[in-house]
Amino acid sequence: MKELILGSQSPRRREILNFFSVPFIQAASDFDETRVPFHGDPEAFVREVAIQKAASLLESYPDHPILTADTVVAMDGRLFLKPESPEEAFGMLKELSGKKHSVFTGVCVTRGKERFSGVEEAFVEFHSLSDSEIHAYHESFHPFDKAGAYAIQRGGSVIVKRIEGCYYNVMGLPLNTTRSLLAKIGINLWDFLKPL
């Protein structure tokens, strides 16, 4: 089997895939996510971005299986993508403070002309956060490569009151959806379990 291409620079997606012994190469997609318009449906948006990321890697890896994903935070019909400034990052956490929001991750698995995609949703509720807590949070957890300007893993979960759904979905790669899509091209993650 040719190595799986993880079409993402995300260290969190690499960490999740490393739970298994499946051989993979991490290769960034050059697809510009801003080219996908948002028409009010976060599920359709993340699915399309994941598909386009995979398509952008097909020419370089025509015979390899390719795994791509895209994660967004959504609330009240709005998307909270990766912030581009400290002010935007602060505003995101200020708006999400004390509220429940959705995290959608679209996943695409491609090999040659085969293509399968899926979307998973999780619900996250934040504690109410003071301005000083938001500033302290962003001093400790770099917000600019994270949808919604927050991280769920490790100490980043200090802001999270409750989560419903897959924890790894919030990290950026839902295990159940990823497992089922990889199985469609003959990669069974059960065969690549690593002992703890």
C-alpha atoms as a PDB file:
ATOM      1  CA  MET A   1       0.000   0.000   0.000  1.00  0.00           C
ATOM      2  CA  LYS A   2       1.278   3.463  -0.872  1.00  0.00           C
ATOM      3  CA  GLU A   3       1.546   5.864   2.034  1.00  0.00           C
ATOM      4  CA  LEU A   4      -1.541   7.795   2.986  1.00  0.00           C
ATOM      5  CA  ILE A   5      -1.195  11.515   2.271  1.00  0.00           C
ATOM      6  CA  LEU A   6      -2.439  13.642   5.152  1.00  0.00           C
ATOM      7  CA  GLY A   7      -3.271  16.829   3.283  1.00  0.00           C
ATOM      8  CA  SER A   8      -2.911  19.152   6.236  1.00  0.00           C
ATOM      9  CA  GLN A   9      -0.206  21.054   8.103  1.00  0.00           C
ATOM     10  CA  SER A  10      -2.152  20.697  11.346  1.00  0.00           C
ATOM     11  CA  PRO A  11      -0.075  19.200  14.168  1.00  0.00           C
ATOM     12  CA  ARG A  12      -3.347  18.137  15.801  1.00  0.00           C
ATOM     13  CA  ARG A  13      -4.453  16.071  12.806  1.00  0.00           C
ATOM     14  CA  ARG A  14      -0.983  14.521  12.649  1.00  0.00           C
ATOM     15  CA  GLU A  15      -1.215  13.676  16.353  1.00  0.00           C
ATOM     16  CA  ILE A  16      -4.606  11.961  15.898  1.00  0.00           C
ATOM     17  CA  LEU A  17      -3.483   9.957  12.863  1.00  0.00           C
ATOM     18  CA  ASN A  18      -0.392   8.899  14.816  1.00  0.00           C
ATOM     19  CA  PHE A  19      -2.680   6.975  17.170  1.00  0.00           C
ATOM     20  CA  PHE A  20      -2.465   4.335  14.433  1.00  0.00           C
ATOM     21  CA  SER A  21       0.487   2.707  12.683  1.00  0.00           C
ATOM     22  CA  VAL A  22      -0.820   3.451   9.178  1.00  0.00           C
ATOM     23  CA  PRO A  23       2.115   4.874   7.183  1.00  0.00           C
ATOM     24  CA  PHE A  24       1.467   8.447   6.109  1.00  0.00           C
ATOM     25  CA  ILE A  25       3.145  11.546   4.744  1.00  0.00           C
ATOM     26  CA  GLN A  26       2.011  15.014   5.782  1.00  0.00           C
ATOM     27  CA  ALA A  27       1.697  17.331   2.774  1.00  0.00           C
ATOM     28  CA  ALA A  28       0.048  20.739   2.834  1.00  0.00           C
ATOM     29  CA  SER A  29      -2.713  21.482   0.371  1.00  0.00           C
ATOM     30  CA  ASP A  30      -2.253  24.799  -1.424  1.00  0.00           C
ATOM     31  CA  PHE A  31      -6.002  25.267  -1.836  1.00  0.00           C
ATOM     32  CA  ASP A  32      -7.190  28.722  -0.767  1.00  0.00           C
ATOM     33  CA  GLU A  33     -10.144  28.089   1.572  1.00  0.00           C
ATOM     34  CA  THR A  34     -11.466  31.614   1.014  1.00  0.00           C
ATOM     35  CA  ARG A  35     -12.436  30.577  -2.529  1.00  0.00           C
ATOM     36  CA  VAL A  36     -15.361  28.548  -1.144  1.00  0.00           C
ATOM     37  CA  PRO A  37     -18.366  30.825  -0.525  1.00  0.00           C
ATOM     38  CA  PHE A  38     -20.429  30.347   2.606  1.00  0.00           C
ATOM     39  CA  HIS A  39     -24.155  30.202   1.893  1.00  0.00           C
ATOM     40  CA  GLY A  40     -25.348  29.627   5.439  1.00  0.00           C
ATOM     41  CA  ASP A  41     -24.748  25.847   5.615  1.00  0.00           C
ATOM     42  CA  PRO A  42     -21.618  25.012   7.665  1.00  0.00           C
ATOM     43  CA  GLU A  43     -21.893  21.306   6.797  1.00  0.00           C
ATOM     44  CA  ALA A  44     -21.840  21.976   3.043  1.00  0.00           C
ATOM     45  CA  PHE A  45     -19.003  24.477   3.509  1.00  0.00           C
ATOM     46  CA  VAL A  46     -16.595  22.163   5.359  1.00  0.00           C
ATOM     47  CA  ARG A  47     -17.379  19.258   3.026  1.00  0.00           C
ATOM     48  CA  GLU A  48     -16.571  21.375  -0.040  1.00  0.00           C
ATOM     49  CA  VAL A  49     -13.342  22.739   1.448  1.00  0.00           C
ATOM     50  CA  ALA A  50     -12.171  19.214   2.372  1.00  0.00           C
ATOM     51  CA  ILE A  51     -12.996  17.988  -1.161  1.00  0.00           C
ATOM     52  CA  GLN A  52     -11.158  20.902  -2.790  1.00  0.00           C
ATOM     53  CA  LYS A  53      -8.110  20.367  -0.568  1.00  0.00           C
ATOM     54  CA  ALA A  54      -7.966  16.742  -1.726  1.00  0.00           C
ATOM     55  CA  ALA A  55      -8.409  17.753  -5.375  1.00  0.00           C
ATOM     56  CA  SER A  56      -5.455  20.131  -5.104  1.00  0.00           C
ATOM     57  CA  LEU A  57      -3.185  17.228  -4.068  1.00  0.00           C
ATOM     58  CA  LEU A  58      -4.311  14.702  -6.691  1.00  0.00           C
ATOM     59  CA  GLU A  59      -1.853  15.832  -9.363  1.00  0.00           C
ATOM     60  CA  SER A  60       1.108  15.431  -7.022  1.00  0.00           C
ATOM     61  CA  TYR A  61      -0.116  12.139  -5.538  1.00  0.00           C
ATOM     62  CA  PRO A  62      -2.236  10.427  -8.237  1.00  0.00           C
ATOM     63  CA  ASP A  63      -1.731   6.894  -6.876  1.00  0.00           C
ATOM     64  CA  HIS A  64      -1.778   7.606  -3.151  1.00  0.00           C
ATOM     65  CA  PRO A  65      -4.776   7.623  -0.847  1.00  0.00           C
ATOM     66  CA  ILE A  66      -5.353  11.204   0.327  1.00  0.00           C
ATOM     67  CA  LEU A  67      -7.024  12.319   3.562  1.00  0.00           C
ATOM     68  CA  THR A  68      -8.079  15.947   4.001  1.00  0.00           C
ATOM     69  CA  ALA A  69     -10.254  17.782   6.507  1.00  0.00           C
ATOM     70  CA  ASP A  70     -11.604  21.197   7.360  1.00  0.00           C
ATOM     71  CA  THR A  71     -12.983  22.383  10.701  1.00  0.00           C
ATOM     72  CA  VAL A  72     -15.130  25.410  11.492  1.00  0.00           C
ATOM     73  CA  VAL A  73     -16.899  26.780  14.535  1.00  0.00           C
ATOM     74  CA  ALA A  74     -20.473  27.933  13.879  1.00  0.00           C
ATOM     75  CA  MET A  75     -23.039  29.803  15.943  1.00  0.00           C
ATOM     76  CA  ASP A  76     -26.177  31.764  15.038  1.00  0.00           C
ATOM     77  CA  GLY A  77     -25.632  31.335  11.305  1.00  0.00           C
ATOM     78  CA  ARG A  78     -22.053  32.622  11.414  1.00  0.00           C
ATOM     79  CA  LEU A  79     -18.735  30.905  10.862  1.00  0.00           C
ATOM     80  CA  PHE A  80     -15.814  31.486  13.204  1.00  0.00           C
ATOM     81  CA  LEU A  81     -12.744  30.636  11.128  1.00  0.00           C
ATOM     82  CA  LYS A  82      -9.072  31.151  11.993  1.00  0.00           C
ATOM     83  CA  PRO A  83      -8.631  34.683  13.336  1.00  0.00           C
ATOM     84  CA  GLU A  84      -6.257  36.996  11.519  1.00  0.00           C
ATOM     85  CA  SER A  85      -5.463  39.388  14.356  1.00  0.00           C
ATOM     86  CA  PRO A  86      -5.351  39.434  18.179  1.00  0.00           C
ATOM     87  CA  GLU A  87      -8.400  41.691  18.137  1.00  0.00           C
ATOM     88  CA  GLU A  88     -10.386  39.240  16.023  1.00  0.00           C
ATOM     89  CA  ALA A  89      -9.304  36.326  18.225  1.00  0.00           C
ATOM     90  CA  PHE A  90     -10.408  38.214  21.348  1.00  0.00           C
ATOM     91  CA  GLY A  91     -13.738  39.085  19.743  1.00  0.00           C
ATOM     92  CA  MET A  92     -14.410  35.456  18.877  1.00  0.00           C
ATOM     93  CA  LEU A  93     -13.948  34.190  22.427  1.00  0.00           C
ATOM     94  CA  LYS A  94     -15.895  37.158  23.764  1.00  0.00           C
ATOM     95  CA  GLU A  95     -18.817  36.225  21.527  1.00  0.00           C
ATOM     96  CA  LEU A  96     -18.614  32.495  22.297  1.00  0.00           C
ATOM     97  CA  SER A  97     -18.250  33.083  26.058  1.00  0.00           C
ATOM     98  CA  GLY A  98     -20.987  31.425  28.109  1.00  0.00           C
ATOM     99  CA  LYS A  99     -22.703  30.033  25.008  1.00  0.00           C
ATOM    100  CA  LYS A 100     -23.097  26.771  23.109  1.00  0.00           C
ATOM    101  CA  HIS A 101     -21.768  26.469  19.567  1.00  0.00           C
ATOM    102  CA  SER A 102     -21.248  23.799  16.915  1.00  0.00           C
ATOM    103  CA  VAL A 103     -17.988  22.470  15.556  1.00  0.00           C
ATOM    104  CA  PHE A 104     -18.204  20.937  12.084  1.00  0.00           C
ATOM    105  CA  THR A 105     -15.409  18.943  10.479  1.00  0.00           C
ATOM    106  CA  GLY A 106     -15.607  17.861   6.866  1.00  0.00           C
ATOM    107  CA  VAL A 107     -13.446  14.885   5.904  1.00  0.00           C
ATOM    108  CA  CYS A 108     -12.565  13.696   2.399  1.00  0.00           C
ATOM    109  CA  VAL A 109     -10.782  10.503   1.361  1.00  0.00           C
ATOM    110  CA  THR A 110      -9.610  10.293  -2.246  1.00  0.00           C
ATOM    111  CA  ARG A 111      -7.641   7.770  -4.287  1.00  0.00           C
ATOM    112  CA  GLY A 112      -7.451   8.301  -8.011  1.00  0.00           C
ATOM    113  CA  LYS A 113     -11.021   8.689  -9.233  1.00  0.00           C
ATOM    114  CA  GLU A 114     -12.508   7.400  -5.961  1.00  0.00           C
ATOM    115  CA  ARG A 115     -13.784  10.076  -3.594  1.00  0.00           C
ATOM    116  CA  PHE A 116     -15.739   9.789  -0.355  1.00  0.00           C
ATOM    117  CA  SER A 117     -16.648  12.568   2.058  1.00  0.00           C
ATOM    118  CA  GLY A 118     -18.500  13.058   5.308  1.00  0.00           C
ATOM    119  CA  VAL A 119     -19.185  15.664   7.975  1.00  0.00           C
ATOM    120  CA  GLU A 120     -19.363  15.354  11.742  1.00  0.00           C
ATOM    121  CA  GLU A 121     -20.822  17.868  14.205  1.00  0.00           C
ATOM    122  CA  ALA A 122     -20.055  18.325  17.878  1.00  0.00           C
ATOM    123  CA  PHE A 123     -21.505  20.802  20.365  1.00  0.00           C
ATOM    124  CA  VAL A 124     -19.317  22.791  22.736  1.00  0.00           C
ATOM    125  CA  GLU A 125     -20.437  25.056  25.576  1.00  0.00           C
ATOM    126  CA  PHE A 126     -18.030  27.582  27.063  1.00  0.00           C
ATOM    127  CA  HIS A 127     -17.804  28.897  30.582  1.00  0.00           C
ATOM    128  CA  SER A 128     -18.423  32.623  30.916  1.00  0.00           C
ATOM    129  CA  LEU A 129     -15.036  34.255  30.352  1.00  0.00           C
ATOM    130  CA  SER A 130     -13.764  37.579  31.638  1.00  0.00           C
ATOM    131  CA  ASP A 131     -11.663  39.821  29.422  1.00  0.00           C
ATOM    132  CA  SER A 132      -8.564  39.024  31.503  1.00  0.00           C
ATOM    133  CA  GLU A 133      -9.206  35.285  31.146  1.00  0.00           C
ATOM    134  CA  ILE A 134      -9.480  35.625  27.363  1.00  0.00           C
ATOM    135  CA  HIS A 135      -6.196  37.551  27.233  1.00  0.00           C
ATOM    136  CA  ALA A 136      -4.489  34.991  29.482  1.00  0.00           C
ATOM    137  CA  TYR A 137      -5.847  32.175  27.336  1.00  0.00           C
ATOM    138  CA  HIS A 138      -4.468  33.617  24.124  1.00  0.00           C
ATOM    139  CA  GLU A 139      -1.095  34.299  25.749  1.00  0.00           C
ATOM    140  CA  SER A 140      -0.836  30.579  26.493  1.00  0.00           C
ATOM    141  CA  PHE A 141      -2.600  29.113  23.439  1.00  0.00           C
ATOM    142  CA  HIS A 142      -1.680  30.601  20.063  1.00  0.00           C
ATOM    143  CA  PRO A 143      -5.075  31.298  18.440  1.00  0.00           C
ATOM    144  CA  PHE A 144      -4.223  32.051  14.813  1.00  0.00           C
ATOM    145  CA  ASP A 145      -4.219  28.504  13.421  1.00  0.00           C
ATOM    146  CA  LYS A 146      -7.406  27.441  15.193  1.00  0.00           C
ATOM    147  CA  ALA A 147     -11.033  27.845  14.120  1.00  0.00           C
ATOM    148  CA  GLY A 148     -12.849  29.898  16.724  1.00  0.00           C
ATOM    149  CA  ALA A 149      -9.508  30.972  18.238  1.00  0.00           C
ATOM    150  CA  TYR A 150      -9.375  28.124  20.756  1.00  0.00           C
ATOM    151  CA  ALA A 151      -7.977  24.659  21.357  1.00  0.00           C
ATOM    152  CA  ILE A 152      -9.808  21.785  23.063  1.00  0.00           C
ATOM    153  CA  GLN A 153      -6.714  19.715  23.870  1.00  0.00           C
ATOM    154  CA  ARG A 154      -4.658  19.817  27.041  1.00  0.00           C
ATOM    155  CA  GLY A 155      -5.043  22.978  29.118  1.00  0.00           C
ATOM    156  CA  GLY A 156      -6.968  24.623  26.301  1.00  0.00           C
ATOM    157  CA  SER A 157     -10.084  22.855  27.554  1.00  0.00           C
ATOM    158  CA  VAL A 158     -10.149  25.109  30.649  1.00  0.00           C
ATOM    159  CA  ILE A 159     -12.694  27.295  28.822  1.00  0.00           C
ATOM    160  CA  VAL A 160     -14.987  24.360  27.974  1.00  0.00           C
ATOM    161  CA  LYS A 161     -17.945  23.675  30.253  1.00  0.00           C
ATOM    162  CA  ARG A 162     -19.452  20.806  28.252  1.00  0.00           C
ATOM    163  CA  ILE A 163     -18.942  18.898  25.022  1.00  0.00           C
ATOM    164  CA  GLU A 164     -21.412  16.690  23.174  1.00  0.00           C
ATOM    165  CA  GLY A 165     -19.984  14.539  20.415  1.00  0.00           C
ATOM    166  CA  CYS A 166     -16.520  13.473  19.344  1.00  0.00           C
ATOM    167  CA  TYR A 167     -13.681  15.197  21.187  1.00  0.00           C
ATOM    168  CA  TYR A 168     -11.376  14.560  18.217  1.00  0.00           C
ATOM    169  CA  ASN A 169     -13.857  16.298  15.931  1.00  0.00           C
ATOM    170  CA  VAL A 170     -13.224  19.470  17.912  1.00  0.00           C
ATOM    171  CA  MET A 171      -9.473  18.839  17.585  1.00  0.00           C
ATOM    172  CA  GLY A 172      -9.902  18.652  13.816  1.00  0.00           C
ATOM    173  CA  LEU A 173     -10.204  14.987  12.778  1.00  0.00           C
ATOM    174  CA  PRO A 174     -13.246  12.978  13.934  1.00  0.00           C
ATOM    175  CA  LEU A 175     -12.162   9.385  14.378  1.00  0.00           C
ATOM    176  CA  ASN A 176     -15.428   7.645  13.522  1.00  0.00           C
ATOM    177  CA  THR A 177     -15.972   9.539  10.265  1.00  0.00           C
ATOM    178  CA  THR A 178     -12.310   9.146   9.315  1.00  0.00           C
ATOM    179  CA  ARG A 179     -12.382   5.407  10.065  1.00  0.00           C
ATOM    180  CA  SER A 180     -15.514   4.801   7.988  1.00  0.00           C
ATOM    181  CA  LEU A 181     -14.251   6.812   4.995  1.00  0.00           C
ATOM    182  CA  LEU A 182     -10.814   5.166   4.966  1.00  0.00           C
ATOM    183  CA  ALA A 183     -12.516   1.765   5.085  1.00  0.00           C
ATOM    184  CA  LYS A 184     -14.209   2.580   1.771  1.00  0.00           C
ATOM    185  CA  ILE A 185     -10.806   2.526   0.044  1.00  0.00           C
ATOM    186  CA  GLY A 186      -9.579  -0.550   1.904  1.00  0.00           C
ATOM    187  CA  ILE A 187      -7.705   1.069   4.808  1.00  0.00           C
ATOM    188  CA  ASN A 188      -9.047  -0.502   7.993  1.00  0.00           C
ATOM    189  CA  LEU A 189      -7.809   1.404  11.044  1.00  0.00           C
ATOM    190  CA  TRP A 190      -8.524  -1.691  13.167  1.00  0.00           C
ATOM    191  CA  ASP A 191      -5.517  -3.250  11.410  1.00  0.00           C
ATOM    192  CA  PHE A 192      -3.281  -0.376  12.507  1.00  0.00           C
ATOM    193  CA  LEU A 193      -4.079  -0.101  16.210  1.00  0.00           C
ATOM    194  CA  LYS A 194      -1.097   0.873  18.356  1.00  0.00           C
ATOM    195  CA  PRO A 195      -0.871  -0.428  21.938  1.00  0.00           C
ATOM    196  CA  LEU A 196      -1.012   2.213  24.665  1.00  0.00           C
END
